[in-house]
Amino acid sequence: MTDSQLIREIKDGNVELYAELMRRYERKIYAFIFHMLKSSGMEALADDLSQETFYKAYRSLQTFREVEASFSTWLYTIARNTVLSELRKQHKNHQVSLDQGGYIPYASFDAMPEQTMLRNEKVTMVRDAINNLPEKQRSALILREYEQLEYQEIANILGQTVSAVKSLLFRARASVKIQLEPYFADPIFEEYEGMN
């Protein structure tokens, strides 16, 4: 059964079929929300915000019209808005800094301590660089690089044209590269890179 058929059935009263729609998208929506929250160190909220996204979608399903967007695009838009709303609320209530990330990358025990330290430092630098991007650039980059969405779908989610999305991605990648250049041009990084 396609998404469209499921949605028609749900709208006709077969609400138990919503579980099937959730099953189809729960991993992708969770991953998207997790990546959106990661830069602010709030990834622990990913599960709650995923559930909230599906709840909001269920409550609004009667108003969903396929002629305007696909179900997945509509769902990603709800997820994005849910995350942005939570980030604004947390920032307002607790003054959470968006550069406080709690992510500690995994490194094997047999790795040299210097390599592990440098790898951890690089991961932190990349995360911080992405975190420093304006919200639309950050969202576009996450949707493209982590979620592997097509330009048109990203455009629909962000309410932009495809050319605007390509421009956002170009500027995001250029900004990340500029932010990281001083660090990765450092000879100490090059020395340890050759040891991998």
N, C-alpha and C. Protein backbone atom coordinates (compact mmCIF):
# COMPACT_ATOMS: atom_id res chain seq x y z
N MET A 1 0.85 -1.18 0.00
CA MET A 1 0.00 0.00 0.00
C MET A 1 0.90 1.24 0.00
N THR A 2 0.61 2.20 -0.86
CA THR A 2 1.41 3.42 -0.93
C THR A 2 1.05 4.35 0.24
N ASP A 3 1.88 5.36 0.42
CA ASP A 3 1.58 6.36 1.46
C ASP A 3 0.22 7.00 1.19
N SER A 4 -0.04 7.32 -0.06
CA SER A 4 -1.31 7.97 -0.43
C SER A 4 -2.50 7.10 -0.07
N GLN A 5 -2.39 5.80 -0.38
CA GLN A 5 -3.49 4.88 -0.06
C GLN A 5 -3.68 4.77 1.45
N LEU A 6 -2.57 4.68 2.18
CA LEU A 6 -2.66 4.61 3.64
C LEU A 6 -3.34 5.86 4.20
N ILE A 7 -2.93 7.01 3.70
CA ILE A 7 -3.49 8.27 4.21
C ILE A 7 -4.98 8.34 3.93
N ARG A 8 -5.40 7.91 2.73
CA ARG A 8 -6.84 7.90 2.42
C ARG A 8 -7.60 6.99 3.38
N GLU A 9 -7.02 5.81 3.65
CA GLU A 9 -7.66 4.86 4.58
C GLU A 9 -7.74 5.46 5.99
N ILE A 10 -6.67 6.10 6.43
CA ILE A 10 -6.66 6.71 7.77
C ILE A 10 -7.70 7.81 7.85
N LYS A 11 -7.76 8.64 6.81
CA LYS A 11 -8.75 9.73 6.78
C LYS A 11 -10.18 9.17 6.78
N ASP A 12 -10.33 7.96 6.22
CA ASP A 12 -11.66 7.32 6.19
C ASP A 12 -12.00 6.60 7.50
N GLY A 13 -11.11 6.66 8.48
CA GLY A 13 -11.42 6.09 9.78
C GLY A 13 -10.58 4.91 10.21
N ASN A 14 -9.73 4.38 9.35
CA ASN A 14 -8.88 3.25 9.72
C ASN A 14 -7.60 3.77 10.38
N VAL A 15 -7.78 4.36 11.56
CA VAL A 15 -6.66 5.04 12.23
C VAL A 15 -5.53 4.09 12.65
N GLU A 16 -5.84 2.80 12.76
CA GLU A 16 -4.80 1.85 13.16
C GLU A 16 -3.69 1.76 12.09
N LEU A 17 -3.99 2.18 10.87
CA LEU A 17 -2.99 2.14 9.79
C LEU A 17 -1.92 3.22 9.96
N TYR A 18 -2.16 4.17 10.86
CA TYR A 18 -1.15 5.21 11.09
C TYR A 18 0.14 4.59 11.62
N ALA A 19 0.03 3.48 12.33
CA ALA A 19 1.22 2.79 12.84
C ALA A 19 2.12 2.35 11.68
N GLU A 20 1.54 1.99 10.57
CA GLU A 20 2.32 1.60 9.39
C GLU A 20 3.07 2.80 8.81
N LEU A 21 2.39 3.93 8.75
CA LEU A 21 3.06 5.15 8.28
C LEU A 21 4.23 5.51 9.20
N MET A 22 4.00 5.41 10.49
CA MET A 22 5.08 5.69 11.46
C MET A 22 6.24 4.73 11.25
N ARG A 23 5.95 3.46 11.07
CA ARG A 23 7.00 2.46 10.89
C ARG A 23 7.87 2.81 9.68
N ARG A 24 7.25 3.30 8.62
CA ARG A 24 7.98 3.62 7.39
C ARG A 24 8.97 4.77 7.59
N TYR A 25 8.63 5.70 8.47
CA TYR A 25 9.42 6.93 8.56
C TYR A 25 10.12 7.16 9.90
N GLU A 26 9.86 6.31 10.91
CA GLU A 26 10.37 6.62 12.23
C GLU A 26 11.90 6.70 12.29
N ARG A 27 12.61 5.81 11.61
CA ARG A 27 14.08 5.85 11.65
C ARG A 27 14.63 7.12 11.00
N LYS A 28 14.08 7.46 9.83
CA LYS A 28 14.56 8.64 9.11
C LYS A 28 14.27 9.92 9.89
N ILE A 29 13.08 10.02 10.43
CA ILE A 29 12.72 11.22 11.18
C ILE A 29 13.55 11.32 12.45
N TYR A 30 13.74 10.19 13.12
CA TYR A 30 14.58 10.19 14.33
C TYR A 30 16.00 10.64 13.99
N ALA A 31 16.57 10.09 12.92
CA ALA A 31 17.94 10.44 12.53
C ALA A 31 18.05 11.92 12.18
N PHE A 32 17.06 12.43 11.46
CA PHE A 32 17.06 13.85 11.11
C PHE A 32 17.01 14.72 12.36
N ILE A 33 16.11 14.40 13.27
CA ILE A 33 15.98 15.18 14.50
C ILE A 33 17.24 15.07 15.33
N PHE A 34 17.79 13.87 15.43
CA PHE A 34 19.03 13.65 16.19
C PHE A 34 20.14 14.55 15.66
N HIS A 35 20.31 14.60 14.34
CA HIS A 35 21.36 15.44 13.75
C HIS A 35 21.08 16.92 13.95
N MET A 36 19.82 17.31 13.92
CA MET A 36 19.49 18.72 14.16
C MET A 36 19.82 19.11 15.60
N LEU A 37 19.60 18.20 16.54
CA LEU A 37 19.83 18.49 17.96
C LEU A 37 21.28 18.32 18.37
N LYS A 38 22.03 17.52 17.62
CA LYS A 38 23.39 17.16 17.99
C LYS A 38 24.28 18.37 18.21
N SER A 39 24.15 19.37 17.37
CA SER A 39 25.01 20.53 17.47
C SER A 39 24.77 21.33 18.75
N SER A 40 23.61 21.15 19.35
CA SER A 40 23.32 21.87 20.59
C SER A 40 23.46 20.97 21.82
N GLY A 41 23.90 19.74 21.60
CA GLY A 41 24.08 18.82 22.73
C GLY A 41 22.78 18.35 23.34
N MET A 42 21.70 18.42 22.58
CA MET A 42 20.38 18.05 23.11
C MET A 42 19.83 16.79 22.45
N GLU A 43 20.74 15.95 21.91
CA GLU A 43 20.26 14.76 21.19
C GLU A 43 19.46 13.80 22.04
N ALA A 44 19.53 13.93 23.36
CA ALA A 44 18.73 13.08 24.25
C ALA A 44 17.23 13.33 24.05
N LEU A 45 16.89 14.48 23.47
CA LEU A 45 15.48 14.81 23.24
C LEU A 45 14.96 14.26 21.91
N ALA A 46 15.82 13.61 21.13
CA ALA A 46 15.44 13.16 19.79
C ALA A 46 14.23 12.24 19.81
N ASP A 47 14.18 11.30 20.73
CA ASP A 47 13.06 10.37 20.79
C ASP A 47 11.76 11.10 21.10
N ASP A 48 11.78 11.99 22.08
CA ASP A 48 10.58 12.74 22.45
C ASP A 48 10.09 13.61 21.29
N LEU A 49 11.02 14.28 20.61
CA LEU A 49 10.62 15.16 19.52
C LEU A 49 10.17 14.36 18.29
N SER A 50 10.69 13.15 18.13
CA SER A 50 10.19 12.28 17.06
C SER A 50 8.73 11.92 17.32
N GLN A 51 8.47 11.53 18.57
CA GLN A 51 7.09 11.19 18.93
C GLN A 51 6.17 12.40 18.77
N GLU A 52 6.66 13.56 19.18
CA GLU A 52 5.86 14.78 19.04
C GLU A 52 5.58 15.07 17.57
N THR A 53 6.57 14.85 16.72
CA THR A 53 6.39 15.06 15.27
C THR A 53 5.28 14.17 14.74
N PHE A 54 5.32 12.88 15.09
CA PHE A 54 4.30 11.96 14.59
C PHE A 54 2.92 12.28 15.18
N TYR A 55 2.90 12.76 16.41
CA TYR A 55 1.62 13.15 17.02
C TYR A 55 1.04 14.36 16.29
N LYS A 56 1.89 15.37 16.02
CA LYS A 56 1.42 16.56 15.30
C LYS A 56 0.94 16.18 13.90
N ALA A 57 1.68 15.29 13.25
CA ALA A 57 1.28 14.86 11.91
C ALA A 57 -0.06 14.15 11.95
N TYR A 58 -0.26 13.30 12.94
CA TYR A 58 -1.52 12.58 13.07
C TYR A 58 -2.69 13.56 13.28
N ARG A 59 -2.47 14.51 14.17
CA ARG A 59 -3.53 15.49 14.47
C ARG A 59 -3.86 16.35 13.26
N SER A 60 -2.88 16.57 12.38
CA SER A 60 -3.08 17.44 11.22
C SER A 60 -3.32 16.67 9.92
N LEU A 61 -3.39 15.37 10.00
CA LEU A 61 -3.48 14.55 8.79
C LEU A 61 -4.68 14.90 7.93
N GLN A 62 -5.79 15.29 8.55
CA GLN A 62 -7.00 15.63 7.78
C GLN A 62 -6.75 16.85 6.88
N THR A 63 -5.80 17.70 7.27
CA THR A 63 -5.53 18.91 6.48
C THR A 63 -4.43 18.68 5.43
N PHE A 64 -3.78 17.53 5.48
CA PHE A 64 -2.71 17.24 4.52
C PHE A 64 -3.28 17.06 3.13
N ARG A 65 -2.66 17.78 2.16
CA ARG A 65 -3.08 17.66 0.77
C ARG A 65 -1.86 17.30 -0.07
N GLU A 66 -1.94 16.16 -0.74
CA GLU A 66 -0.82 15.66 -1.54
C GLU A 66 -0.45 16.56 -2.70
N VAL A 67 -1.37 17.35 -3.16
CA VAL A 67 -1.05 18.22 -4.30
C VAL A 67 -0.01 19.27 -3.91
N GLU A 68 0.11 19.55 -2.62
CA GLU A 68 1.06 20.56 -2.16
C GLU A 68 2.44 19.97 -1.85
N ALA A 69 2.48 18.74 -1.36
CA ALA A 69 3.77 18.11 -1.01
C ALA A 69 3.55 16.62 -0.78
N SER A 70 4.67 15.86 -0.87
CA SER A 70 4.57 14.43 -0.55
C SER A 70 4.46 14.30 0.97
N PHE A 71 4.01 13.15 1.42
CA PHE A 71 3.88 12.94 2.86
C PHE A 71 5.24 13.07 3.55
N SER A 72 6.29 12.51 2.95
CA SER A 72 7.60 12.56 3.60
C SER A 72 8.09 13.99 3.73
N THR A 73 7.89 14.80 2.70
CA THR A 73 8.29 16.21 2.76
C THR A 73 7.53 16.94 3.86
N TRP A 74 6.25 16.69 3.92
CA TRP A 74 5.39 17.30 4.94
C TRP A 74 5.86 16.89 6.34
N LEU A 75 6.20 15.61 6.49
CA LEU A 75 6.64 15.09 7.79
C LEU A 75 7.99 15.69 8.20
N TYR A 76 8.93 15.78 7.27
CA TYR A 76 10.22 16.41 7.57
C TYR A 76 10.03 17.88 7.96
N THR A 77 9.10 18.56 7.31
CA THR A 77 8.82 19.96 7.64
C THR A 77 8.31 20.08 9.07
N ILE A 78 7.41 19.19 9.45
CA ILE A 78 6.89 19.18 10.82
C ILE A 78 8.03 18.90 11.80
N ALA A 79 8.89 17.93 11.47
CA ALA A 79 10.02 17.59 12.34
C ALA A 79 10.96 18.78 12.50
N ARG A 80 11.28 19.44 11.40
CA ARG A 80 12.17 20.60 11.45
C ARG A 80 11.58 21.71 12.32
N ASN A 81 10.30 22.00 12.11
CA ASN A 81 9.65 23.05 12.90
C ASN A 81 9.58 22.68 14.37
N THR A 82 9.37 21.41 14.66
CA THR A 82 9.32 20.94 16.05
C THR A 82 10.68 21.14 16.72
N VAL A 83 11.75 20.79 16.01
CA VAL A 83 13.10 20.96 16.56
C VAL A 83 13.42 22.44 16.77
N LEU A 84 13.13 23.25 15.77
CA LEU A 84 13.43 24.69 15.90
C LEU A 84 12.66 25.31 17.06
N SER A 85 11.43 24.90 17.22
CA SER A 85 10.62 25.40 18.33
C SER A 85 11.23 25.00 19.68
N GLU A 86 11.67 23.75 19.78
CA GLU A 86 12.29 23.27 21.02
C GLU A 86 13.61 23.99 21.29
N LEU A 87 14.41 24.20 20.26
CA LEU A 87 15.68 24.89 20.44
C LEU A 87 15.46 26.32 20.91
N ARG A 88 14.47 27.00 20.32
CA ARG A 88 14.16 28.37 20.77
C ARG A 88 13.69 28.36 22.22
N LYS A 89 12.84 27.40 22.55
CA LYS A 89 12.31 27.32 23.92
C LYS A 89 13.44 27.04 24.92
N GLN A 90 14.29 26.08 24.61
CA GLN A 90 15.40 25.75 25.51
C GLN A 90 16.37 26.91 25.63
N HIS A 91 16.64 27.56 24.50
CA HIS A 91 17.58 28.68 24.52
C HIS A 91 17.02 29.83 25.36
N LYS A 92 15.73 30.06 25.23
CA LYS A 92 15.08 31.15 25.98
C LYS A 92 15.02 30.82 27.48
N ASN A 93 14.63 29.59 27.80
CA ASN A 93 14.45 29.20 29.19
C ASN A 93 15.75 28.94 29.93
N HIS A 94 16.71 28.35 29.25
CA HIS A 94 17.93 27.91 29.93
C HIS A 94 19.20 28.52 29.39
N GLN A 95 19.06 29.37 28.37
CA GLN A 95 20.23 29.95 27.73
C GLN A 95 21.25 28.88 27.36
N VAL A 96 20.75 27.80 26.72
CA VAL A 96 21.62 26.72 26.27
C VAL A 96 22.47 27.24 25.12
N SER A 97 23.76 27.10 25.23
CA SER A 97 24.65 27.51 24.15
C SER A 97 24.60 26.46 23.07
N LEU A 98 24.50 26.91 21.81
CA LEU A 98 24.42 25.96 20.71
C LEU A 98 25.75 25.29 20.43
N ASP A 99 26.80 25.69 21.12
CA ASP A 99 28.07 25.02 20.87
C ASP A 99 28.43 24.04 21.99
N GLN A 100 27.49 23.73 22.84
CA GLN A 100 27.74 22.75 23.89
C GLN A 100 27.31 21.39 23.40
N GLY A 101 28.23 20.64 22.86
CA GLY A 101 27.91 19.32 22.34
C GLY A 101 28.42 18.26 23.28
N GLY A 102 27.64 17.24 23.51
CA GLY A 102 28.05 16.18 24.40
C GLY A 102 28.56 14.95 23.67
N TYR A 103 28.76 15.06 22.38
CA TYR A 103 29.15 13.89 21.59
C TYR A 103 30.63 13.58 21.78
N ILE A 104 30.93 12.36 22.16
CA ILE A 104 32.31 11.90 22.27
C ILE A 104 32.46 10.75 21.30
N PRO A 105 33.26 10.94 20.25
CA PRO A 105 33.37 9.88 19.26
C PRO A 105 34.05 8.63 19.79
N TYR A 106 33.72 7.50 19.20
CA TYR A 106 34.29 6.22 19.58
C TYR A 106 35.65 6.05 18.91
N ALA A 107 36.58 5.54 19.64
CA ALA A 107 37.87 5.20 19.06
C ALA A 107 38.27 3.83 19.58
N SER A 108 38.88 3.02 18.74
CA SER A 108 39.26 1.68 19.16
C SER A 108 40.39 1.76 20.20
N PHE A 109 40.48 0.72 21.03
CA PHE A 109 41.48 0.70 22.09
C PHE A 109 42.90 0.59 21.54
N ASP A 110 43.03 0.02 20.35
CA ASP A 110 44.37 -0.15 19.83
C ASP A 110 44.88 1.08 19.07
N ALA A 111 44.04 2.12 18.97
CA ALA A 111 44.49 3.35 18.30
C ALA A 111 45.51 4.06 19.18
N MET A 112 46.43 4.72 18.53
CA MET A 112 47.43 5.49 19.28
C MET A 112 46.72 6.65 19.98
N PRO A 113 47.10 6.98 21.20
CA PRO A 113 46.43 8.07 21.90
C PRO A 113 46.45 9.39 21.12
N GLU A 114 47.55 9.65 20.41
CA GLU A 114 47.63 10.90 19.65
C GLU A 114 46.60 10.92 18.52
N GLN A 115 46.46 9.76 17.85
CA GLN A 115 45.49 9.68 16.76
C GLN A 115 44.07 9.84 17.29
N THR A 116 43.79 9.20 18.41
CA THR A 116 42.47 9.29 19.02
C THR A 116 42.17 10.73 19.39
N MET A 117 43.14 11.39 20.00
CA MET A 117 42.94 12.78 20.41
C MET A 117 42.69 13.67 19.20
N LEU A 118 43.48 13.49 18.15
CA LEU A 118 43.31 14.30 16.95
C LEU A 118 41.99 14.03 16.26
N ARG A 119 41.60 12.76 16.21
CA ARG A 119 40.32 12.40 15.58
C ARG A 119 39.16 13.03 16.37
N ASN A 120 39.22 12.95 17.68
CA ASN A 120 38.18 13.55 18.51
C ASN A 120 38.14 15.06 18.31
N GLU A 121 39.31 15.66 18.22
CA GLU A 121 39.39 17.10 18.02
C GLU A 121 38.81 17.49 16.66
N LYS A 122 39.09 16.70 15.64
CA LYS A 122 38.56 16.98 14.30
C LYS A 122 37.03 16.87 14.28
N VAL A 123 36.51 15.83 14.91
CA VAL A 123 35.05 15.65 14.96
C VAL A 123 34.42 16.86 15.64
N THR A 124 35.01 17.31 16.72
CA THR A 124 34.50 18.47 17.45
C THR A 124 34.55 19.72 16.57
N MET A 125 35.66 19.90 15.85
CA MET A 125 35.80 21.07 14.97
C MET A 125 34.76 21.06 13.86
N VAL A 126 34.52 19.90 13.25
CA VAL A 126 33.53 19.81 12.18
C VAL A 126 32.14 20.10 12.74
N ARG A 127 31.83 19.51 13.89
CA ARG A 127 30.53 19.76 14.52
C ARG A 127 30.35 21.24 14.83
N ASP A 128 31.39 21.86 15.37
CA ASP A 128 31.31 23.29 15.69
C ASP A 128 31.15 24.13 14.43
N ALA A 129 31.85 23.75 13.37
CA ALA A 129 31.75 24.50 12.11
C ALA A 129 30.33 24.42 11.56
N ILE A 130 29.73 23.23 11.59
CA ILE A 130 28.35 23.07 11.12
C ILE A 130 27.40 23.84 12.04
N ASN A 131 27.67 23.81 13.32
CA ASN A 131 26.84 24.52 14.29
C ASN A 131 26.88 26.03 14.09
N ASN A 132 27.98 26.54 13.57
CA ASN A 132 28.11 27.99 13.35
C ASN A 132 27.36 28.48 12.12
N LEU A 133 26.86 27.56 11.31
CA LEU A 133 26.15 27.94 10.10
C LEU A 133 24.79 28.55 10.45
N PRO A 134 24.30 29.45 9.61
CA PRO A 134 22.92 29.92 9.78
C PRO A 134 21.96 28.73 9.69
N GLU A 135 20.81 28.84 10.32
CA GLU A 135 19.88 27.71 10.46
C GLU A 135 19.53 27.06 9.12
N LYS A 136 19.21 27.84 8.10
CA LYS A 136 18.80 27.24 6.82
C LYS A 136 19.96 26.50 6.17
N GLN A 137 21.16 27.04 6.25
CA GLN A 137 22.32 26.35 5.69
C GLN A 137 22.56 25.04 6.44
N ARG A 138 22.46 25.10 7.77
CA ARG A 138 22.67 23.90 8.59
C ARG A 138 21.62 22.84 8.26
N SER A 139 20.36 23.25 8.16
CA SER A 139 19.28 22.30 7.83
C SER A 139 19.51 21.68 6.46
N ALA A 140 19.85 22.51 5.48
CA ALA A 140 20.08 22.00 4.12
C ALA A 140 21.23 21.00 4.11
N LEU A 141 22.30 21.32 4.83
CA LEU A 141 23.47 20.43 4.86
C LEU A 141 23.13 19.10 5.54
N ILE A 142 22.39 19.14 6.62
CA ILE A 142 22.01 17.92 7.32
C ILE A 142 21.09 17.07 6.43
N LEU A 143 20.11 17.71 5.80
CA LEU A 143 19.18 16.96 4.95
C LEU A 143 19.89 16.32 3.75
N ARG A 144 20.88 17.02 3.22
CA ARG A 144 21.58 16.49 2.04
C ARG A 144 22.64 15.46 2.43
N GLU A 145 23.50 15.79 3.39
CA GLU A 145 24.63 14.93 3.70
C GLU A 145 24.28 13.77 4.63
N TYR A 146 23.42 14.00 5.61
CA TYR A 146 23.07 12.94 6.55
C TYR A 146 21.84 12.16 6.11
N GLU A 147 20.84 12.88 5.62
CA GLU A 147 19.58 12.22 5.23
C GLU A 147 19.57 11.80 3.76
N GLN A 148 20.53 12.27 2.99
CA GLN A 148 20.67 11.91 1.57
C GLN A 148 19.42 12.24 0.76
N LEU A 149 18.76 13.36 1.07
CA LEU A 149 17.56 13.74 0.34
C LEU A 149 17.93 14.44 -0.96
N GLU A 150 17.03 14.36 -1.93
CA GLU A 150 17.22 15.05 -3.21
C GLU A 150 17.00 16.54 -3.02
N TYR A 151 17.55 17.33 -3.96
CA TYR A 151 17.44 18.79 -3.87
C TYR A 151 15.99 19.25 -3.83
N GLN A 152 15.13 18.63 -4.65
CA GLN A 152 13.73 19.05 -4.70
C GLN A 152 13.03 18.83 -3.36
N GLU A 153 13.31 17.70 -2.72
CA GLU A 153 12.68 17.43 -1.43
C GLU A 153 13.18 18.40 -0.36
N ILE A 154 14.47 18.70 -0.39
CA ILE A 154 15.03 19.68 0.56
C ILE A 154 14.38 21.04 0.32
N ALA A 155 14.22 21.40 -0.96
CA ALA A 155 13.58 22.67 -1.31
C ALA A 155 12.17 22.74 -0.73
N ASN A 156 11.42 21.64 -0.86
CA ASN A 156 10.06 21.61 -0.34
C ASN A 156 10.04 21.74 1.18
N ILE A 157 10.95 21.06 1.85
CA ILE A 157 11.00 21.10 3.32
C ILE A 157 11.35 22.50 3.81
N LEU A 158 12.31 23.14 3.15
CA LEU A 158 12.78 24.45 3.59
C LEU A 158 11.97 25.60 3.01
N GLY A 159 11.04 25.29 2.09
CA GLY A 159 10.25 26.35 1.47
C GLY A 159 11.10 27.21 0.55
N GLN A 160 12.02 26.58 -0.17
CA GLN A 160 12.95 27.28 -1.06
C GLN A 160 12.85 26.68 -2.46
N THR A 161 13.48 27.34 -3.43
CA THR A 161 13.60 26.77 -4.76
C THR A 161 14.80 25.83 -4.76
N VAL A 162 14.90 24.97 -5.77
CA VAL A 162 16.03 24.06 -5.89
C VAL A 162 17.33 24.86 -6.03
N SER A 163 17.31 25.92 -6.82
CA SER A 163 18.53 26.73 -6.98
C SER A 163 18.91 27.39 -5.66
N ALA A 164 17.93 27.80 -4.86
CA ALA A 164 18.24 28.39 -3.55
C ALA A 164 18.86 27.34 -2.63
N VAL A 165 18.38 26.10 -2.70
CA VAL A 165 18.95 25.02 -1.89
C VAL A 165 20.39 24.76 -2.30
N LYS A 166 20.63 24.72 -3.61
CA LYS A 166 22.01 24.51 -4.09
C LYS A 166 22.91 25.64 -3.61
N SER A 167 22.40 26.84 -3.62
CA SER A 167 23.17 28.00 -3.13
C SER A 167 23.43 27.88 -1.63
N LEU A 168 22.41 27.47 -0.86
CA LEU A 168 22.59 27.27 0.58
C LEU A 168 23.66 26.23 0.86
N LEU A 169 23.60 25.12 0.10
CA LEU A 169 24.59 24.06 0.29
C LEU A 169 25.99 24.52 -0.11
N PHE A 170 26.10 25.26 -1.18
CA PHE A 170 27.40 25.78 -1.61
C PHE A 170 27.98 26.68 -0.53
N ARG A 171 27.15 27.60 -0.03
CA ARG A 171 27.63 28.53 1.02
C ARG A 171 27.95 27.78 2.31
N ALA A 172 27.14 26.77 2.65
CA ALA A 172 27.38 26.00 3.88
C ALA A 172 28.71 25.26 3.79
N ARG A 173 28.94 24.58 2.66
CA ARG A 173 30.18 23.82 2.49
C ARG A 173 31.39 24.76 2.46
N ALA A 174 31.24 25.90 1.79
CA ALA A 174 32.34 26.87 1.73
C ALA A 174 32.65 27.42 3.12
N SER A 175 31.62 27.70 3.88
CA SER A 175 31.81 28.22 5.23
C SER A 175 32.49 27.20 6.13
N VAL A 176 32.06 25.95 6.05
CA VAL A 176 32.68 24.89 6.86
C VAL A 176 34.14 24.75 6.47
N LYS A 177 34.40 24.77 5.16
CA LYS A 177 35.78 24.63 4.68
C LYS A 177 36.65 25.79 5.19
N ILE A 178 36.14 27.01 5.10
CA ILE A 178 36.90 28.18 5.56
C ILE A 178 37.16 28.09 7.06
N GLN A 179 36.15 27.66 7.82
CA GLN A 179 36.32 27.55 9.27
C GLN A 179 37.36 26.50 9.64
N LEU A 180 37.45 25.43 8.83
CA LEU A 180 38.34 24.33 9.16
C LEU A 180 39.73 24.44 8.56
N GLU A 181 39.89 25.26 7.53
CA GLU A 181 41.17 25.37 6.85
C GLU A 181 42.36 25.64 7.77
N PRO A 182 42.24 26.58 8.71
CA PRO A 182 43.40 26.83 9.58
C PRO A 182 43.83 25.60 10.38
N TYR A 183 42.89 24.76 10.71
CA TYR A 183 43.20 23.59 11.54
C TYR A 183 43.78 22.45 10.72
N PHE A 184 43.19 22.19 9.56
CA PHE A 184 43.61 21.04 8.78
C PHE A 184 44.82 21.34 7.91
N ALA A 185 45.21 22.60 7.83
CA ALA A 185 46.44 22.96 7.12
C ALA A 185 47.62 22.91 8.09
N ASP A 186 47.33 22.72 9.37
CA ASP A 186 48.36 22.65 10.40
C ASP A 186 49.23 21.41 10.17
N PRO A 187 50.56 21.57 10.12
CA PRO A 187 51.45 20.43 9.85
C PRO A 187 51.29 19.28 10.85
N ILE A 188 50.93 19.58 12.08
CA ILE A 188 50.79 18.50 13.07
C ILE A 188 49.67 17.54 12.66
N PHE A 189 48.57 18.08 12.07
CA PHE A 189 47.49 17.21 11.61
C PHE A 189 47.97 16.36 10.44
N GLU A 190 48.72 16.98 9.51
CA GLU A 190 49.21 16.24 8.35
C GLU A 190 50.15 15.12 8.77
N GLU A 191 50.98 15.39 9.78
CA GLU A 191 51.92 14.38 10.27
C GLU A 191 51.18 13.16 10.78
N TYR A 192 50.13 13.39 11.56
CA TYR A 192 49.40 12.26 12.14
C TYR A 192 48.46 11.62 11.13
N GLU A 193 48.01 12.38 10.13
CA GLU A 193 47.14 11.79 9.12
C GLU A 193 47.87 10.66 8.39
N GLY A 194 49.17 10.84 8.14
CA GLY A 194 49.93 9.82 7.43
C GLY A 194 50.10 8.54 8.22
N MET A 195 49.81 8.57 9.50
CA MET A 195 49.98 7.41 10.36
C MET A 195 48.75 6.51 10.38
N ASN A 196 47.64 6.95 9.78
CA ASN A 196 46.40 6.16 9.80
C ASN A 196 46.54 4.89 9.00
